[in-house]
Amino acid sequence: MSKNDDNLLAFLESYGFSLEELMEVSFELNSFRSIAGTTLKRYMNRIIETIEREERRAFLKGLLLGIAIRKAVDELGEPELTEEERRINYEIDRLTMK
């Protein structure tokens, strides 16, 4: 397992999920994705078709949670440079090229 996989497993374990559950779900999802000609829409349809009617709300909650986590991760990135920071970088680049 890679460092990212270890972090994901630790994160999921903190919510009560086991390595076995992660591996089973990962295997199932990878089998859908590995079918030739799979687009995101087909991938989602294959997954949704395996979900029982009463579990659809839980799946939707998971999707929305995943989106929220992704947004939070994106916001952890470095903020845009201010005009002054861009000007300073430009001056540094200009001086180092002489």
PDB file of N, CA and C in Angstrom:
ATOM      1  N   MET A   1       0.832  -1.185   0.000  1.00  0.00           N
ATOM      2  CA  MET A   1       0.000   0.000   0.000  1.00  0.00           C
ATOM      3  C   MET A   1       0.875   1.246   0.000  1.00  0.00           C
ATOM      4  N   SER A   2       0.426   2.272  -0.691  1.00  0.00           N
ATOM      5  CA  SER A   2       1.172   3.528  -0.730  1.00  0.00           C
ATOM      6  C   SER A   2       0.850   4.362   0.505  1.00  0.00           C
ATOM      7  N   LYS A   3       1.591   5.444   0.672  1.00  0.00           N
ATOM      8  CA  LYS A   3       1.350   6.357   1.800  1.00  0.00           C
ATOM      9  C   LYS A   3      -0.076   6.905   1.752  1.00  0.00           C
ATOM     10  N   ASN A   4      -0.554   7.276   0.541  1.00  0.00           N
ATOM     11  CA  ASN A   4      -1.929   7.778   0.414  1.00  0.00           C
ATOM     12  C   ASN A   4      -2.945   6.717   0.807  1.00  0.00           C
ATOM     13  N   ASP A   5      -2.680   5.450   0.414  1.00  0.00           N
ATOM     14  CA  ASP A   5      -3.584   4.359   0.789  1.00  0.00           C
ATOM     15  C   ASP A   5      -3.604   4.179   2.305  1.00  0.00           C
ATOM     16  N   ASP A   6      -2.428   4.280   2.934  1.00  0.00           N
ATOM     17  CA  ASP A   6      -2.350   4.159   4.389  1.00  0.00           C
ATOM     18  C   ASP A   6      -3.137   5.274   5.060  1.00  0.00           C
ATOM     19  N   ASN A   7      -3.016   6.502   4.537  1.00  0.00           N
ATOM     20  CA  ASN A   7      -3.766   7.628   5.102  1.00  0.00           C
ATOM     21  C   ASN A   7      -5.266   7.427   4.933  1.00  0.00           C
ATOM     22  N   LEU A   8      -5.681   6.936   3.773  1.00  0.00           N
ATOM     23  CA  LEU A   8      -7.095   6.683   3.528  1.00  0.00           C
ATOM     24  C   LEU A   8      -7.605   5.609   4.478  1.00  0.00           C
ATOM     25  N   LEU A   9      -6.840   4.542   4.628  1.00  0.00           N
ATOM     26  CA  LEU A   9      -7.255   3.462   5.522  1.00  0.00           C
ATOM     27  C   LEU A   9      -7.371   3.975   6.954  1.00  0.00           C
ATOM     28  N   ALA A  10      -6.403   4.739   7.412  1.00  0.00           N
ATOM     29  CA  ALA A  10      -6.467   5.277   8.771  1.00  0.00           C
ATOM     30  C   ALA A  10      -7.687   6.182   8.931  1.00  0.00           C
ATOM     31  N   PHE A  11      -7.949   6.991   7.909  1.00  0.00           N
ATOM     32  CA  PHE A  11      -9.120   7.871   7.932  1.00  0.00           C
ATOM     33  C   PHE A  11     -10.399   7.052   8.032  1.00  0.00           C
ATOM     34  N   LEU A  12     -10.535   6.028   7.192  1.00  0.00           N
ATOM     35  CA  LEU A  12     -11.746   5.208   7.200  1.00  0.00           C
ATOM     36  C   LEU A  12     -11.877   4.394   8.479  1.00  0.00           C
ATOM     37  N   GLU A  13     -10.759   3.884   8.988  1.00  0.00           N
ATOM     38  CA  GLU A  13     -10.791   3.129  10.247  1.00  0.00           C
ATOM     39  C   GLU A  13     -11.267   4.002  11.400  1.00  0.00           C
ATOM     40  N   SER A  14     -10.948   5.287  11.341  1.00  0.00           N
ATOM     41  CA  SER A  14     -11.385   6.186  12.418  1.00  0.00           C
ATOM     42  C   SER A  14     -12.913   6.305  12.446  1.00  0.00           C
ATOM     43  N   TYR A  15     -13.575   5.913  11.361  1.00  0.00           N
ATOM     44  CA  TYR A  15     -15.036   5.918  11.298  1.00  0.00           C
ATOM     45  C   TYR A  15     -15.615   4.513  11.386  1.00  0.00           C
ATOM     46  N   GLY A  16     -14.786   3.544  11.755  1.00  0.00           N
ATOM     47  CA  GLY A  16     -15.278   2.190  11.990  1.00  0.00           C
ATOM     48  C   GLY A  16     -15.233   1.253  10.805  1.00  0.00           C
ATOM     49  N   PHE A  17     -14.665   1.673   9.670  1.00  0.00           N
ATOM     50  CA  PHE A  17     -14.552   0.781   8.516  1.00  0.00           C
ATOM     51  C   PHE A  17     -13.284  -0.060   8.635  1.00  0.00           C
ATOM     52  N   SER A  18     -13.332  -1.274   8.126  1.00  0.00           N
ATOM     53  CA  SER A  18     -12.185  -2.175   8.216  1.00  0.00           C
ATOM     54  C   SER A  18     -11.437  -2.245   6.881  1.00  0.00           C
ATOM     55  N   LEU A  19     -10.221  -2.760   6.939  1.00  0.00           N
ATOM     56  CA  LEU A  19      -9.426  -2.975   5.728  1.00  0.00           C
ATOM     57  C   LEU A  19     -10.169  -3.913   4.780  1.00  0.00           C
ATOM     58  N   GLU A  20     -10.813  -4.933   5.327  1.00  0.00           N
ATOM     59  CA  GLU A  20     -11.552  -5.886   4.497  1.00  0.00           C
ATOM     60  C   GLU A  20     -12.680  -5.196   3.734  1.00  0.00           C
ATOM     61  N   GLU A  21     -13.411  -4.317   4.417  1.00  0.00           N
ATOM     62  CA  GLU A  21     -14.488  -3.582   3.742  1.00  0.00           C
ATOM     63  C   GLU A  21     -13.929  -2.710   2.624  1.00  0.00           C
ATOM     64  N   LEU A  22     -12.846  -2.011   2.914  1.00  0.00           N
ATOM     65  CA  LEU A  22     -12.214  -1.161   1.907  1.00  0.00           C
ATOM     66  C   LEU A  22     -11.761  -1.981   0.710  1.00  0.00           C
ATOM     67  N   MET A  23     -11.135  -3.122   0.956  1.00  0.00           N
ATOM     68  CA  MET A  23     -10.636  -3.964  -0.132  1.00  0.00           C
ATOM     69  C   MET A  23     -11.795  -4.524  -0.960  1.00  0.00           C
ATOM     70  N   GLU A  24     -12.863  -4.982  -0.320  1.00  0.00           N
ATOM     71  CA  GLU A  24     -14.010  -5.531  -1.042  1.00  0.00           C
ATOM     72  C   GLU A  24     -14.654  -4.484  -1.948  1.00  0.00           C
ATOM     73  N   VAL A  25     -14.875  -3.300  -1.402  1.00  0.00           N
ATOM     74  CA  VAL A  25     -15.503  -2.238  -2.184  1.00  0.00           C
ATOM     75  C   VAL A  25     -14.569  -1.783  -3.304  1.00  0.00           C
ATOM     76  N   SER A  26     -13.284  -1.636  -3.002  1.00  0.00           N
ATOM     77  CA  SER A  26     -12.316  -1.228  -4.026  1.00  0.00           C
ATOM     78  C   SER A  26     -12.265  -2.227  -5.168  1.00  0.00           C
ATOM     79  N   PHE A  27     -12.259  -3.515  -4.836  1.00  0.00           N
ATOM     80  CA  PHE A  27     -12.231  -4.558  -5.866  1.00  0.00           C
ATOM     81  C   PHE A  27     -13.463  -4.469  -6.751  1.00  0.00           C
ATOM     82  N   GLU A  28     -14.631  -4.321  -6.121  1.00  0.00           N
ATOM     83  CA  GLU A  28     -15.876  -4.241  -6.889  1.00  0.00           C
ATOM     84  C   GLU A  28     -15.877  -3.012  -7.798  1.00  0.00           C
ATOM     85  N   LEU A  29     -15.490  -1.868  -7.266  1.00  0.00           N
ATOM     86  CA  LEU A  29     -15.486  -0.651  -8.069  1.00  0.00           C
ATOM     87  C   LEU A  29     -14.459  -0.718  -9.193  1.00  0.00           C
ATOM     88  N   ASN A  30     -13.292  -1.278  -8.909  1.00  0.00           N
ATOM     89  CA  ASN A  30     -12.272  -1.417  -9.959  1.00  0.00           C
ATOM     90  C   ASN A  30     -12.727  -2.349 -11.064  1.00  0.00           C
ATOM     91  N   SER A  31     -13.519  -3.361 -10.712  1.00  0.00           N
ATOM     92  CA  SER A  31     -14.010  -4.285 -11.749  1.00  0.00           C
ATOM     93  C   SER A  31     -14.969  -3.556 -12.690  1.00  0.00           C
ATOM     94  N   PHE A  32     -15.760  -2.613 -12.180  1.00  0.00           N
ATOM     95  CA  PHE A  32     -16.637  -1.822 -13.043  1.00  0.00           C
ATOM     96  C   PHE A  32     -15.824  -0.911 -13.946  1.00  0.00           C
ATOM     97  N   ARG A  33     -14.798  -0.304 -13.370  1.00  0.00           N
ATOM     98  CA  ARG A  33     -14.004   0.684 -14.104  1.00  0.00           C
ATOM     99  C   ARG A  33     -13.143   0.030 -15.182  1.00  0.00           C
ATOM    100  N   SER A  34     -12.771  -1.223 -14.985  1.00  0.00           N
ATOM    101  CA  SER A  34     -11.854  -1.878 -15.918  1.00  0.00           C
ATOM    102  C   SER A  34     -12.529  -2.386 -17.193  1.00  0.00           C
ATOM    103  N   ILE A  35     -13.835  -2.282 -17.291  1.00  0.00           N
ATOM    104  CA  ILE A  35     -14.550  -2.719 -18.491  1.00  0.00           C
ATOM    105  C   ILE A  35     -14.240  -1.750 -19.630  1.00  0.00           C
ATOM    106  N   ALA A  36     -13.829  -2.285 -20.767  1.00  0.00           N
ATOM    107  CA  ALA A  36     -13.466  -1.444 -21.911  1.00  0.00           C
ATOM    108  C   ALA A  36     -14.610  -0.520 -22.295  1.00  0.00           C
ATOM    109  N   GLY A  37     -14.274   0.723 -22.638  1.00  0.00           N
ATOM    110  CA  GLY A  37     -15.256   1.699 -23.075  1.00  0.00           C
ATOM    111  C   GLY A  37     -16.023   2.357 -21.947  1.00  0.00           C
ATOM    112  N   THR A  38     -15.549   2.163 -20.716  1.00  0.00           N
ATOM    113  CA  THR A  38     -16.252   2.738 -19.571  1.00  0.00           C
ATOM    114  C   THR A  38     -16.038   4.243 -19.500  1.00  0.00           C
ATOM    115  N   THR A  39     -17.142   4.958 -19.480  1.00  0.00           N
ATOM    116  CA  THR A  39     -17.124   6.402 -19.263  1.00  0.00           C
ATOM    117  C   THR A  39     -17.559   6.639 -17.817  1.00  0.00           C
ATOM    118  N   LEU A  40     -17.431   7.863 -17.350  1.00  0.00           N
ATOM    119  CA  LEU A  40     -17.865   8.166 -15.989  1.00  0.00           C
ATOM    120  C   LEU A  40     -19.348   7.858 -15.811  1.00  0.00           C
ATOM    121  N   LYS A  41     -20.149   8.204 -16.818  1.00  0.00           N
ATOM    122  CA  LYS A  41     -21.594   7.946 -16.739  1.00  0.00           C
ATOM    123  C   LYS A  41     -21.875   6.445 -16.645  1.00  0.00           C
ATOM    124  N   ARG A  42     -21.204   5.644 -17.457  1.00  0.00           N
ATOM    125  CA  ARG A  42     -21.405   4.192 -17.409  1.00  0.00           C
ATOM    126  C   ARG A  42     -20.926   3.621 -16.079  1.00  0.00           C
ATOM    127  N   TYR A  43     -19.810   4.131 -15.597  1.00  0.00           N
ATOM    128  CA  TYR A  43     -19.250   3.695 -14.317  1.00  0.00           C
ATOM    129  C   TYR A  43     -20.258   3.964 -13.198  1.00  0.00           C
ATOM    130  N   MET A  44     -20.796   5.175 -13.163  1.00  0.00           N
ATOM    131  CA  MET A  44     -21.795   5.522 -12.145  1.00  0.00           C
ATOM    132  C   MET A  44     -23.039   4.646 -12.290  1.00  0.00           C
ATOM    133  N   ASN A  45     -23.511   4.438 -13.514  1.00  0.00           N
ATOM    134  CA  ASN A  45     -24.699   3.600 -13.722  1.00  0.00           C
ATOM    135  C   ASN A  45     -24.471   2.172 -13.244  1.00  0.00           C
ATOM    136  N   ARG A  46     -23.298   1.622 -13.490  1.00  0.00           N
ATOM    137  CA  ARG A  46     -23.003   0.254 -13.039  1.00  0.00           C
ATOM    138  C   ARG A  46     -23.034   0.174 -11.522  1.00  0.00           C
ATOM    139  N   ILE A  47     -22.484   1.179 -10.884  1.00  0.00           N
ATOM    140  CA  ILE A  47     -22.483   1.188  -9.416  1.00  0.00           C
ATOM    141  C   ILE A  47     -23.901   1.336  -8.889  1.00  0.00           C
ATOM    142  N   ILE A  48     -24.637   2.289  -9.418  1.00  0.00           N
ATOM    143  CA  ILE A  48     -25.997   2.563  -8.939  1.00  0.00           C
ATOM    144  C   ILE A  48     -26.907   1.365  -9.147  1.00  0.00           C
ATOM    145  N   GLU A  49     -26.707   0.614 -10.229  1.00  0.00           N
ATOM    146  CA  GLU A  49     -27.535  -0.561 -10.491  1.00  0.00           C
ATOM    147  C   GLU A  49     -27.356  -1.637  -9.426  1.00  0.00           C
ATOM    148  N   THR A  50     -26.230  -1.644  -8.729  1.00  0.00           N
ATOM    149  CA  THR A  50     -25.986  -2.663  -7.699  1.00  0.00           C
ATOM    150  C   THR A  50     -26.523  -2.263  -6.335  1.00  0.00           C
ATOM    151  N   ILE A  51     -27.059  -1.055  -6.224  1.00  0.00           N
ATOM    152  CA  ILE A  51     -27.521  -0.548  -4.932  1.00  0.00           C
ATOM    153  C   ILE A  51     -29.007  -0.841  -4.767  1.00  0.00           C
ATOM    154  N   GLU A  52     -29.338  -1.433  -3.653  1.00  0.00           N
ATOM    155  CA  GLU A  52     -30.739  -1.706  -3.340  1.00  0.00           C
ATOM    156  C   GLU A  52     -31.473  -0.384  -3.142  1.00  0.00           C
ATOM    157  N   ARG A  53     -32.745  -0.379  -3.426  1.00  0.00           N
ATOM    158  CA  ARG A  53     -33.555   0.844  -3.348  1.00  0.00           C
ATOM    159  C   ARG A  53     -33.411   1.544  -1.993  1.00  0.00           C
ATOM    160  N   GLU A  54     -33.444   0.778  -0.916  1.00  0.00           N
ATOM    161  CA  GLU A  54     -33.378   1.379   0.411  1.00  0.00           C
ATOM    162  C   GLU A  54     -31.974   1.898   0.761  1.00  0.00           C
ATOM    163  N   GLU A  55     -30.982   1.548  -0.035  1.00  0.00           N
ATOM    164  CA  GLU A  55     -29.621   2.013   0.226  1.00  0.00           C
ATOM    165  C   GLU A  55     -29.235   3.221  -0.629  1.00  0.00           C
ATOM    166  N   ARG A  56     -30.105   3.634  -1.527  1.00  0.00           N
ATOM    167  CA  ARG A  56     -29.782   4.749  -2.428  1.00  0.00           C
ATOM    168  C   ARG A  56     -29.527   6.049  -1.678  1.00  0.00           C
ATOM    169  N   ARG A  57     -30.291   6.311  -0.618  1.00  0.00           N
ATOM    170  CA  ARG A  57     -30.066   7.540   0.160  1.00  0.00           C
ATOM    171  C   ARG A  57     -28.685   7.524   0.811  1.00  0.00           C
ATOM    172  N   ALA A  58     -28.270   6.374   1.322  1.00  0.00           N
ATOM    173  CA  ALA A  58     -26.939   6.266   1.935  1.00  0.00           C
ATOM    174  C   ALA A  58     -25.856   6.507   0.885  1.00  0.00           C
ATOM    175  N   PHE A  59     -26.061   5.975  -0.306  1.00  0.00           N
ATOM    176  CA  PHE A  59     -25.105   6.189  -1.395  1.00  0.00           C
ATOM    177  C   PHE A  59     -25.027   7.668  -1.745  1.00  0.00           C
ATOM    178  N   LEU A  60     -26.170   8.323  -1.849  1.00  0.00           N
ATOM    179  CA  LEU A  60     -26.208   9.748  -2.170  1.00  0.00           C
ATOM    180  C   LEU A  60     -25.518  10.565  -1.078  1.00  0.00           C
ATOM    181  N   LYS A  61     -25.743  10.203   0.164  1.00  0.00           N
ATOM    182  CA  LYS A  61     -25.051  10.878   1.267  1.00  0.00           C
ATOM    183  C   LYS A  61     -23.536  10.717   1.113  1.00  0.00           C
ATOM    184  N   GLY A  62     -23.114   9.534   0.746  1.00  0.00           N
ATOM    185  CA  GLY A  62     -21.681   9.280   0.542  1.00  0.00           C
ATOM    186  C   GLY A  62     -21.106  10.127  -0.582  1.00  0.00           C
ATOM    187  N   LEU A  63     -21.870  10.244  -1.673  1.00  0.00           N
ATOM    188  CA  LEU A  63     -21.423  11.093  -2.781  1.00  0.00           C
ATOM    189  C   LEU A  63     -21.266  12.540  -2.333  1.00  0.00           C
ATOM    190  N   LEU A  64     -22.269  13.045  -1.634  1.00  0.00           N
ATOM    191  CA  LEU A  64     -22.227  14.433  -1.184  1.00  0.00           C
ATOM    192  C   LEU A  64     -21.100  14.659  -0.177  1.00  0.00           C
ATOM    193  N   LEU A  65     -20.873  13.684   0.684  1.00  0.00           N
ATOM    194  CA  LEU A  65     -19.762  13.784   1.626  1.00  0.00           C
ATOM    195  C   LEU A  65     -18.429  13.795   0.882  1.00  0.00           C
ATOM    196  N   GLY A  66     -18.311  12.949  -0.131  1.00  0.00           N
ATOM    197  CA  GLY A  66     -17.090  12.920  -0.936  1.00  0.00           C
ATOM    198  C   GLY A  66     -16.837  14.249  -1.625  1.00  0.00           C
ATOM    199  N   ILE A  67     -17.883  14.857  -2.129  1.00  0.00           N
ATOM    200  CA  ILE A  67     -17.751  16.170  -2.773  1.00  0.00           C
ATOM    201  C   ILE A  67     -17.311  17.213  -1.750  1.00  0.00           C
ATOM    202  N   ALA A  68     -17.899  17.165  -0.564  1.00  0.00           N
ATOM    203  CA  ALA A  68     -17.529  18.122   0.488  1.00  0.00           C
ATOM    204  C   ALA A  68     -16.070  17.944   0.896  1.00  0.00           C
ATOM    205  N   ILE A  69     -15.625  16.699   1.008  1.00  0.00           N
ATOM    206  CA  ILE A  69     -14.225  16.435   1.353  1.00  0.00           C
ATOM    207  C   ILE A  69     -13.314  16.953   0.254  1.00  0.00           C
ATOM    208  N   ARG A  70     -13.671  16.709  -0.995  1.00  0.00           N
ATOM    209  CA  ARG A  70     -12.859  17.172  -2.122  1.00  0.00           C
ATOM    210  C   ARG A  70     -12.740  18.693  -2.118  1.00  0.00           C
ATOM    211  N   LYS A  71     -13.848  19.385  -1.860  1.00  0.00           N
ATOM    212  CA  LYS A  71     -13.819  20.852  -1.799  1.00  0.00           C
ATOM    213  C   LYS A  71     -12.907  21.323  -0.676  1.00  0.00           C
ATOM    214  N   ALA A  72     -12.977  20.655   0.472  1.00  0.00           N
ATOM    215  CA  ALA A  72     -12.126  21.032   1.606  1.00  0.00           C
ATOM    216  C   ALA A  72     -10.655  20.828   1.264  1.00  0.00           C
ATOM    217  N   VAL A  73     -10.344  19.734   0.593  1.00  0.00           N
ATOM    218  CA  VAL A  73      -8.954  19.474   0.186  1.00  0.00           C
ATOM    219  C   VAL A  73      -8.485  20.535  -0.799  1.00  0.00           C
ATOM    220  N   ASP A  74      -9.324  20.877  -1.755  1.00  0.00           N
ATOM    221  CA  ASP A  74      -8.969  21.906  -2.732  1.00  0.00           C
ATOM    222  C   ASP A  74      -8.692  23.241  -2.060  1.00  0.00           C
ATOM    223  N   GLU A  75      -9.451  23.546  -1.017  1.00  0.00           N
ATOM    224  CA  GLU A  75      -9.262  24.814  -0.317  1.00  0.00           C
ATOM    225  C   GLU A  75      -7.987  24.838   0.513  1.00  0.00           C
ATOM    226  N   LEU A  76      -7.404  23.666   0.774  1.00  0.00           N
ATOM    227  CA  LEU A  76      -6.145  23.614   1.519  1.00  0.00           C
ATOM    228  C   LEU A  76      -4.964  24.032   0.655  1.00  0.00           C
ATOM    229  N   GLY A  77      -5.155  24.068  -0.640  1.00  0.00           N
ATOM    230  CA  GLY A  77      -4.086  24.473  -1.553  1.00  0.00           C
ATOM    231  C   GLY A  77      -3.675  25.913  -1.296  1.00  0.00           C
ATOM    232  N   GLU A  78      -2.591  26.295  -1.913  1.00  0.00           N
ATOM    233  CA  GLU A  78      -2.103  27.649  -1.724  1.00  0.00           C
ATOM    234  C   GLU A  78      -3.044  28.648  -2.372  1.00  0.00           C
ATOM    235  N   PRO A  79      -3.301  29.764  -1.680  1.00  0.00           N
ATOM    236  CA  PRO A  79      -4.177  30.785  -2.256  1.00  0.00           C
ATOM    237  C   PRO A  79      -3.488  31.491  -3.418  1.00  0.00           C
ATOM    238  N   GLU A  80      -4.286  32.151  -4.231  1.00  0.00           N
ATOM    239  CA  GLU A  80      -3.752  32.932  -5.349  1.00  0.00           C
ATOM    240  C   GLU A  80      -2.811  34.013  -4.828  1.00  0.00           C
ATOM    241  N   LEU A  81      -1.789  34.327  -5.613  1.00  0.00           N
ATOM    242  CA  LEU A  81      -0.880  35.411  -5.239  1.00  0.00           C
ATOM    243  C   LEU A  81      -1.594  36.747  -5.348  1.00  0.00           C
ATOM    244  N   THR A  82      -1.253  37.642  -4.444  1.00  0.00           N
ATOM    245  CA  THR A  82      -1.788  38.995  -4.544  1.00  0.00           C
ATOM    246  C   THR A  82      -1.042  39.727  -5.650  1.00  0.00           C
ATOM    247  N   GLU A  83      -1.563  40.864  -6.042  1.00  0.00           N
ATOM    248  CA  GLU A  83      -0.899  41.679  -7.070  1.00  0.00           C
ATOM    249  C   GLU A  83       0.520  42.046  -6.636  1.00  0.00           C
ATOM    250  N   GLU A  84       0.679  42.392  -5.370  1.00  0.00           N
ATOM    251  CA  GLU A  84       2.008  42.755  -4.859  1.00  0.00           C
ATOM    252  C   GLU A  84       2.962  41.560  -4.899  1.00  0.00           C
ATOM    253  N   GLU A  85       2.482  40.373  -4.541  1.00  0.00           N
ATOM    254  CA  GLU A  85       3.315  39.170  -4.587  1.00  0.00           C
ATOM    255  C   GLU A  85       3.723  38.846  -6.024  1.00  0.00           C
ATOM    256  N   ARG A  86       2.807  39.017  -6.967  1.00  0.00           N
ATOM    257  CA  ARG A  86       3.144  38.786  -8.376  1.00  0.00           C
ATOM    258  C   ARG A  86       4.194  39.786  -8.848  1.00  0.00           C
ATOM    259  N   ARG A  87       4.045  41.043  -8.435  1.00  0.00           N
ATOM    260  CA  ARG A  87       5.003  42.082  -8.812  1.00  0.00           C
ATOM    261  C   ARG A  87       6.389  41.770  -8.242  1.00  0.00           C
ATOM    262  N   ILE A  88       6.438  41.330  -6.988  1.00  0.00           N
ATOM    263  CA  ILE A  88       7.719  40.969  -6.365  1.00  0.00           C
ATOM    264  C   ILE A  88       8.344  39.789  -7.094  1.00  0.00           C
ATOM    265  N   ASN A  89       7.557  38.771  -7.398  1.00  0.00           N
ATOM    266  CA  ASN A  89       8.081  37.622  -8.144  1.00  0.00           C
ATOM    267  C   ASN A  89       8.624  38.045  -9.503  1.00  0.00           C
ATOM    268  N   TYR A  90       7.892  38.937 -10.166  1.00  0.00           N
ATOM    269  CA  TYR A  90       8.344  39.437 -11.467  1.00  0.00           C
ATOM    270  C   TYR A  90       9.694  40.137 -11.324  1.00  0.00           C
ATOM    271  N   GLU A  91       9.827  40.976 -10.322  1.00  0.00           N
ATOM    272  CA  GLU A  91      11.087  41.713 -10.106  1.00  0.00           C
ATOM    273  C   GLU A  91      12.218  40.745  -9.779  1.00  0.00           C
ATOM    274  N   ILE A  92      11.957  39.742  -8.990  1.00  0.00           N
ATOM    275  CA  ILE A  92      12.990  38.758  -8.663  1.00  0.00           C
ATOM    276  C   ILE A  92      13.408  38.012  -9.923  1.00  0.00           C
ATOM    277  N   ASP A  93      12.430  37.581 -10.711  1.00  0.00           N
ATOM    278  CA  ASP A  93      12.752  36.890 -11.965  1.00  0.00           C
ATOM    279  C   ASP A  93      13.549  37.788 -12.906  1.00  0.00           C
ATOM    280  N   ARG A  94      13.162  39.037 -12.991  1.00  0.00           N
ATOM    281  CA  ARG A  94      13.843  39.987 -13.869  1.00  0.00           C
ATOM    282  C   ARG A  94      15.287  40.193 -13.415  1.00  0.00           C
ATOM    283  N   LEU A  95      15.517  40.306 -12.117  1.00  0.00           N
ATOM    284  CA  LEU A  95      16.866  40.541 -11.588  1.00  0.00           C
ATOM    285  C   LEU A  95      17.752  39.302 -11.738  1.00  0.00           C
ATOM    286  N   THR A  96      17.168  38.130 -11.603  1.00  0.00           N
ATOM    287  CA  THR A  96      17.969  36.896 -11.711  1.00  0.00           C
ATOM    288  C   THR A  96      18.304  36.540 -13.145  1.00  0.00           C
ATOM    289  N   MET A  97      17.633  37.121 -14.120  1.00  0.00           N
ATOM    290  CA  MET A  97      17.901  36.821 -15.520  1.00  0.00           C
ATOM    291  C   MET A  97      19.007  37.699 -16.081  1.00  0.00           C
ATOM    292  N   LYS A  98      19.453  38.707 -15.352  1.00  0.00           N
ATOM    293  CA  LYS A  98      20.512  39.591 -15.847  1.00  0.00           C
ATOM    294  C   LYS A  98      21.844  38.930 -15.813  1.00  0.00           C
TER     295      LYS A  98
END
